[in-house]
Amino acid sequence: MARFVSTTPVSSIPSHPRRSYHVCICTLHSDIRTGRSRKRAPRERLEQLQKFKTEHGHVSVPYSDPSGLGRWIAEQRHKYQKGLVEHVLYRELISVGLVLRPLESRWDARFQQMCEFHSTHGHAFVQHKDSVPDGLYGWVLQQRQLKKQGRLDESRMKRLDALGFVWDVQAHLWRQNMECLREFYEEHGHCRVSKGGRRDSRLHNFLRRIQSSSKKGFEDVPYATQDDVEKLHAWGAVRAYRTSWDERYNEMCNVKSECRKSGRIPYQYLKESGLTAWARSQRFVHRQGIMSAEQYALLDTIGFDWDGSGWSWLTRVP
């Protein structure tokens, strides 16, 4: 008579003295009735997986599935990482549609979304405000963090680099703003940007940052090259804070010339450039009687308003 050995692990049998014997006997009888071990063969699991796919339309079986199919799939994935899955079984699993490396598959899916974004927008700089698939912006942040920590796979890094992926956001925004400022300067011949419109508002804030950084020698902007600093000075984007009277006067003349052409008065620029305070100080010096005759004559030549009633004189012919 053939001897049948139950495959029920000893650790799974309860230690209660009154129940242990009963559970062991019932388990053994169940094994004898089925004629085989409760551990199902791969062929039976594959059939079970195919049936699950037919019923649900996918093979994402929960790990807690009562049939044990989810645990079996997890075992196959673990074996696959160690190279222990037989070739025949591997082909069967692939044909059913099971992904043996789900993390890599999800990364490839996100990368494909990045490729589609690049194809649509012409760049790979994904921002929070952009209309992108759910989770893509978080995935982008994760790739930057992984590279910073030195944990990003080199092959993945090369694929992202080939797409033009932005690793340093602040440096990228600096380059963008420098290019926009260059276009503004070439179009208008100056960098007196008023706070109006989406582009001008961004450039306005960028210029304010330049003024703040210039006081520190641009030490707080490590991605600003020497060429950038020279261009900013050449464009007049960086102003000297101890400006001579003649330089202030020439700046006021330039503003008046622009106002007469456009008919618009740059109130915000006048305030932030210090010309408002400078004009106020000239009136004060004149009232005190300590202004030189030469300075008075020059200001009077451009139609300077000594009463301080407003800036409308900038648009009038002297």
Protein backbone atom coordinates (compact mmCIF):
# COMPACT_ATOMS: atom_id res chain seq x y z
CA MET A 1 0.00 0.00 0.00
CA ALA A 2 1.36 3.36 -1.04
CA ARG A 3 2.11 5.71 1.75
CA PHE A 4 0.67 9.24 1.41
CA VAL A 5 2.38 12.11 3.16
CA SER A 6 0.47 15.30 3.84
CA THR A 7 2.14 18.55 2.70
CA THR A 8 0.55 20.64 5.45
CA PRO A 9 3.39 22.42 7.26
CA VAL A 10 3.72 21.65 10.96
CA SER A 11 3.89 25.37 11.79
CA SER A 12 0.36 25.85 10.45
CA ILE A 13 -1.16 23.27 12.86
CA PRO A 14 -2.64 24.95 15.95
CA SER A 15 -0.99 24.17 19.27
CA HIS A 16 -4.24 23.88 21.23
CA PRO A 17 -4.26 20.34 22.77
CA ARG A 18 -7.92 19.66 21.99
CA ARG A 19 -7.91 21.01 18.45
CA SER A 20 -4.51 20.03 17.07
CA TYR A 21 -5.37 16.35 16.57
CA HIS A 22 -8.73 17.12 14.96
CA VAL A 23 -7.25 19.68 12.53
CA CYS A 24 -4.41 17.38 11.57
CA ILE A 25 -6.74 14.45 10.83
CA CYS A 26 -9.18 16.60 8.80
CA THR A 27 -6.30 18.05 6.77
CA LEU A 28 -4.86 14.60 6.11
CA HIS A 29 -8.25 13.22 5.02
CA SER A 30 -8.67 16.20 2.66
CA ASP A 31 -5.29 15.45 1.08
CA ILE A 32 -6.16 11.77 0.69
CA ARG A 33 -9.55 12.53 -0.92
CA THR A 34 -8.01 14.86 -3.52
CA GLY A 35 -5.28 12.36 -4.18
CA ARG A 36 -2.65 15.07 -4.44
CA SER A 37 -0.93 17.82 -2.50
CA ARG A 38 -2.75 21.13 -1.96
CA LYS A 39 0.15 22.83 -3.71
CA ARG A 40 -1.11 23.25 -7.23
CA ALA A 41 0.96 22.57 -10.33
CA PRO A 42 2.04 25.44 -12.63
CA ARG A 43 -0.29 24.21 -15.38
CA GLU A 44 -3.27 24.43 -13.06
CA ARG A 45 -2.23 27.92 -11.90
CA LEU A 46 -1.89 29.06 -15.52
CA GLU A 47 -5.38 27.83 -16.28
CA GLN A 48 -6.64 29.62 -13.17
CA LEU A 49 -4.87 32.81 -14.28
CA GLN A 50 -6.38 32.56 -17.78
CA LYS A 51 -9.82 32.13 -16.26
CA PHE A 52 -9.28 35.19 -14.03
CA LYS A 53 -8.28 37.22 -17.09
CA THR A 54 -11.38 36.10 -18.99
CA GLU A 55 -13.66 37.11 -16.12
CA HIS A 56 -11.99 40.42 -15.17
CA GLY A 57 -10.21 41.52 -18.35
CA HIS A 58 -6.78 41.80 -16.67
CA VAL A 59 -4.25 39.74 -14.70
CA SER A 60 -3.78 42.07 -11.71
CA VAL A 61 -4.67 39.42 -9.15
CA PRO A 62 -4.70 40.71 -5.54
CA TYR A 63 -2.12 39.13 -3.28
CA SER A 64 -4.90 38.32 -0.80
CA ASP A 65 -6.93 36.34 -3.36
CA PRO A 66 -8.54 33.36 -1.50
CA SER A 67 -7.40 30.90 -4.15
CA GLY A 68 -3.76 31.69 -3.50
CA LEU A 69 -3.23 32.80 -7.09
CA GLY A 70 -1.94 36.23 -6.03
CA ARG A 71 0.70 34.67 -3.78
CA TRP A 72 1.73 32.30 -6.57
CA ILE A 73 2.20 35.21 -8.97
CA ALA A 74 4.33 37.01 -6.37
CA GLU A 75 6.47 33.86 -6.06
CA GLN A 76 6.99 33.72 -9.84
CA ARG A 77 8.08 37.37 -9.90
CA HIS A 78 10.52 36.75 -7.08
CA LYS A 79 11.92 33.70 -8.88
CA TYR A 80 12.19 35.63 -12.12
CA GLN A 81 14.39 38.26 -10.48
CA LYS A 82 16.72 35.45 -9.40
CA GLY A 83 16.58 33.72 -12.81
CA LEU A 84 14.81 30.63 -11.48
CA VAL A 85 11.74 30.64 -13.74
CA GLU A 86 11.77 27.91 -16.38
CA HIS A 87 11.75 29.10 -19.97
CA VAL A 88 8.52 27.28 -20.83
CA LEU A 89 6.70 28.73 -17.82
CA TYR A 90 8.11 32.18 -18.63
CA ARG A 91 6.68 32.05 -22.15
CA GLU A 92 3.32 30.91 -20.82
CA LEU A 93 3.18 33.76 -18.30
CA ILE A 94 4.12 36.34 -20.93
CA SER A 95 1.51 34.98 -23.35
CA VAL A 96 -1.19 35.42 -20.71
CA GLY A 97 -0.11 39.03 -20.27
CA LEU A 98 1.52 38.87 -16.85
CA VAL A 99 4.20 41.49 -16.16
CA LEU A 100 7.02 39.85 -14.22
CA ARG A 101 8.77 43.16 -13.47
CA PRO A 102 5.88 45.54 -12.67
CA LEU A 103 8.08 48.40 -11.39
CA GLU A 104 10.05 48.54 -14.64
CA SER A 105 6.85 48.33 -16.64
CA ARG A 106 5.36 51.29 -14.73
CA TRP A 107 8.54 53.31 -15.32
CA ASP A 108 8.36 52.61 -19.05
CA ALA A 109 4.71 53.69 -19.07
CA ARG A 110 5.60 57.01 -17.41
CA PHE A 111 8.50 57.51 -19.80
CA GLN A 112 6.12 57.00 -22.70
CA GLN A 113 3.89 59.73 -21.25
CA MET A 114 6.96 62.00 -21.11
CA CYS A 115 7.65 61.25 -24.78
CA GLU A 116 4.07 62.21 -25.65
CA PHE A 117 4.40 65.43 -23.63
CA HIS A 118 7.62 66.26 -25.48
CA SER A 119 5.98 65.58 -28.82
CA THR A 120 3.07 67.89 -27.96
CA HIS A 121 4.93 70.79 -26.30
CA GLY A 122 8.37 70.56 -27.88
CA HIS A 123 10.18 70.22 -24.55
CA ALA A 124 10.36 67.92 -21.52
CA PHE A 125 9.95 70.51 -18.75
CA VAL A 126 6.82 69.35 -16.91
CA GLN A 127 5.43 71.83 -14.41
CA HIS A 128 2.72 71.50 -11.79
CA LYS A 129 0.37 73.80 -13.71
CA ASP A 130 0.63 71.74 -16.93
CA SER A 131 -2.23 69.52 -18.02
CA VAL A 132 -0.62 66.09 -17.74
CA PRO A 133 -1.78 62.58 -16.78
CA ASP A 134 -2.31 62.04 -13.07
CA GLY A 135 0.92 61.18 -11.29
CA LEU A 136 3.30 62.29 -14.07
CA TYR A 137 4.44 65.46 -12.27
CA GLY A 138 5.12 63.45 -9.10
CA TRP A 139 7.08 60.91 -11.16
CA VAL A 140 9.20 63.74 -12.60
CA LEU A 141 9.99 65.00 -9.08
CA GLN A 142 10.89 61.45 -8.06
CA GLN A 143 13.41 61.08 -10.93
CA ARG A 144 15.14 64.33 -9.90
CA GLN A 145 15.31 63.16 -6.30
CA LEU A 146 16.67 59.72 -7.27
CA LYS A 147 19.42 61.32 -9.36
CA LYS A 148 20.30 63.70 -6.53
CA GLN A 149 20.65 60.70 -4.21
CA GLY A 150 22.67 58.74 -6.79
CA ARG A 151 20.03 56.02 -7.00
CA LEU A 152 18.79 56.52 -10.55
CA ASP A 153 19.75 53.79 -13.01
CA GLU A 154 22.27 55.04 -15.57
CA SER A 155 20.36 53.64 -18.54
CA ARG A 156 17.21 55.46 -17.44
CA MET A 157 19.18 58.67 -16.92
CA LYS A 158 20.50 58.46 -20.49
CA ARG A 159 16.99 57.95 -21.86
CA LEU A 160 15.76 61.03 -19.99
CA ASP A 161 18.79 63.09 -21.07
CA ALA A 162 18.10 62.21 -24.70
CA LEU A 163 14.59 63.58 -24.24
CA GLY A 164 15.89 66.88 -22.80
CA PHE A 165 14.74 66.19 -19.25
CA VAL A 166 15.24 69.16 -16.89
CA TRP A 167 17.20 68.16 -13.79
CA ASP A 168 17.88 71.62 -12.29
CA VAL A 169 14.66 73.64 -12.37
CA GLN A 170 16.12 76.91 -11.09
CA ALA A 171 18.96 76.92 -13.61
CA HIS A 172 16.49 76.15 -16.41
CA LEU A 173 14.19 79.01 -15.38
CA TRP A 174 17.19 81.37 -15.22
CA ARG A 175 18.11 80.50 -18.82
CA GLN A 176 14.50 80.96 -19.93
CA ASN A 177 14.25 84.38 -18.28
CA MET A 178 17.58 85.49 -19.72
CA GLU A 179 16.37 84.60 -23.20
CA CYS A 180 13.07 86.47 -22.69
CA LEU A 181 14.96 89.51 -21.37
CA ARG A 182 17.27 89.45 -24.39
CA GLU A 183 14.25 89.43 -26.73
CA PHE A 184 12.66 92.32 -24.79
CA TYR A 185 15.88 94.36 -24.95
CA GLU A 186 16.30 93.76 -28.68
CA GLU A 187 12.71 94.82 -29.28
CA HIS A 188 12.58 97.92 -27.05
CA GLY A 189 16.22 98.91 -26.59
CA HIS A 190 15.95 98.94 -22.79
CA CYS A 191 14.99 96.74 -19.82
CA ARG A 192 12.35 98.96 -18.24
CA VAL A 193 9.70 96.25 -17.94
CA SER A 194 6.33 97.30 -16.56
CA LYS A 195 4.31 94.87 -14.47
CA GLY A 196 1.61 94.00 -16.97
CA GLY A 197 0.83 90.91 -18.99
CA ARG A 198 2.02 87.38 -18.30
CA ARG A 199 5.45 87.68 -19.91
CA ASP A 200 6.13 91.20 -18.62
CA SER A 201 5.05 90.24 -15.12
CA ARG A 202 7.51 87.34 -15.11
CA LEU A 203 10.31 89.54 -16.45
CA HIS A 204 9.44 92.21 -13.91
CA ASN A 205 9.91 89.75 -11.05
CA PHE A 206 13.09 88.45 -12.69
CA LEU A 207 14.56 91.97 -12.80
CA ARG A 208 13.71 92.50 -9.15
CA ARG A 209 15.65 89.36 -8.33
CA ILE A 210 18.57 90.60 -10.44
CA GLN A 211 18.68 93.83 -8.44
CA SER A 212 18.73 91.89 -5.19
CA SER A 213 21.39 89.44 -6.40
CA SER A 214 23.60 92.17 -7.85
CA LYS A 215 24.11 93.58 -4.34
CA LYS A 216 25.66 90.23 -3.37
CA GLY A 217 27.72 89.92 -6.54
CA PHE A 218 25.36 87.20 -7.81
CA GLU A 219 26.75 84.79 -5.21
CA ASP A 220 23.23 83.51 -4.51
CA VAL A 221 22.81 82.59 -8.20
CA PRO A 222 25.40 79.85 -8.87
CA TYR A 223 24.05 79.16 -12.37
CA ALA A 224 24.62 82.78 -13.51
CA THR A 225 27.73 82.79 -15.69
CA GLN A 226 30.13 85.69 -16.08
CA ASP A 227 28.74 86.18 -19.58
CA ASP A 228 25.24 86.54 -18.09
CA VAL A 229 26.40 89.22 -15.66
CA GLU A 230 28.14 91.16 -18.42
CA LYS A 231 25.02 91.04 -20.59
CA LEU A 232 22.83 92.27 -17.73
CA HIS A 233 25.13 95.25 -17.20
CA ALA A 234 25.27 95.97 -20.94
CA TRP A 235 21.47 95.88 -21.20
CA GLY A 236 21.09 98.23 -18.24
CA ALA A 237 19.27 95.58 -16.22
CA VAL A 238 21.65 96.09 -13.29
CA ARG A 239 21.51 99.60 -11.91
CA ALA A 240 24.16 101.29 -9.80
CA TYR A 241 22.76 102.26 -6.43
CA ARG A 242 24.97 105.28 -5.92
CA THR A 243 24.16 107.05 -9.14
CA SER A 244 25.50 110.51 -9.89
CA TRP A 245 23.15 113.45 -10.54
CA ASP A 246 24.06 113.51 -14.23
CA GLU A 247 23.26 109.81 -14.63
CA ARG A 248 19.90 110.26 -12.93
CA TYR A 249 19.14 113.25 -15.12
CA ASN A 250 20.03 111.32 -18.29
CA GLU A 251 17.84 108.43 -17.13
CA MET A 252 14.94 110.86 -16.61
CA CYS A 253 15.49 112.28 -20.10
CA ASN A 254 15.36 108.76 -21.58
CA VAL A 255 12.12 108.02 -19.74
CA LYS A 256 10.60 111.27 -21.00
CA SER A 257 11.60 110.41 -24.57
CA GLU A 258 9.95 106.98 -24.27
CA CYS A 259 6.81 108.49 -22.74
CA ARG A 260 6.44 111.01 -25.55
CA LYS A 261 6.66 108.19 -28.11
CA SER A 262 4.30 105.76 -26.40
CA GLY A 263 2.07 108.19 -24.52
CA ARG A 264 2.29 105.88 -21.49
CA ILE A 265 3.86 106.66 -18.14
CA PRO A 266 5.75 103.74 -16.46
CA TYR A 267 4.68 104.49 -12.88
CA GLN A 268 5.96 101.16 -11.54
CA TYR A 269 9.37 101.61 -13.14
CA LEU A 270 9.67 105.19 -11.90
CA LYS A 271 9.03 103.98 -8.38
CA GLU A 272 11.31 100.95 -8.41
CA SER A 273 14.15 102.67 -10.28
CA GLY A 274 14.29 105.39 -7.66
CA LEU A 275 13.37 108.20 -10.07
CA THR A 276 10.27 109.06 -8.04
CA ALA A 277 12.38 109.58 -4.93
CA TRP A 278 15.03 111.44 -6.96
CA ALA A 279 12.41 113.85 -8.41
CA ARG A 280 11.04 114.45 -4.91
CA SER A 281 14.53 115.24 -3.63
CA GLN A 282 15.09 117.74 -6.48
CA ARG A 283 11.95 119.64 -5.49
CA PHE A 284 13.09 119.68 -1.89
CA VAL A 285 16.57 120.97 -2.82
CA HIS A 286 14.98 123.66 -5.00
CA ARG A 287 12.67 124.82 -2.20
CA GLN A 288 15.64 125.04 0.15
CA GLY A 289 17.42 127.26 -2.34
CA ILE A 290 20.51 125.09 -2.50
CA MET A 291 20.12 123.80 -6.06
CA SER A 292 22.70 124.98 -8.53
CA ALA A 293 21.57 127.21 -11.39
CA GLU A 294 22.93 124.71 -13.91
CA GLN A 295 20.88 121.80 -12.48
CA TYR A 296 17.77 123.99 -12.32
CA ALA A 297 18.20 125.02 -15.97
CA LEU A 298 18.65 121.40 -17.11
CA LEU A 299 15.50 120.23 -15.30
CA ASP A 300 13.54 123.19 -16.54
CA THR A 301 14.63 122.39 -20.10
CA ILE A 302 12.82 119.03 -20.03
CA GLY A 303 9.71 120.58 -18.47
CA PHE A 304 10.25 119.22 -14.95
CA ASP A 305 7.18 119.65 -12.71
CA TRP A 306 8.34 121.64 -9.69
CA ASP A 307 4.92 121.50 -7.99
CA GLY A 308 4.85 117.71 -7.81
CA SER A 309 1.32 117.44 -9.19
CA GLY A 310 2.06 114.25 -11.16
CA TRP A 311 3.96 112.74 -14.06
CA SER A 312 1.90 114.11 -16.94
CA TRP A 313 4.78 116.46 -17.81
CA LEU A 314 6.69 113.44 -19.13
CA THR A 315 4.35 113.19 -22.13
CA ARG A 316 4.31 116.93 -22.89
CA VAL A 317 6.68 118.89 -25.13
CA PRO A 318 8.88 121.14 -22.94
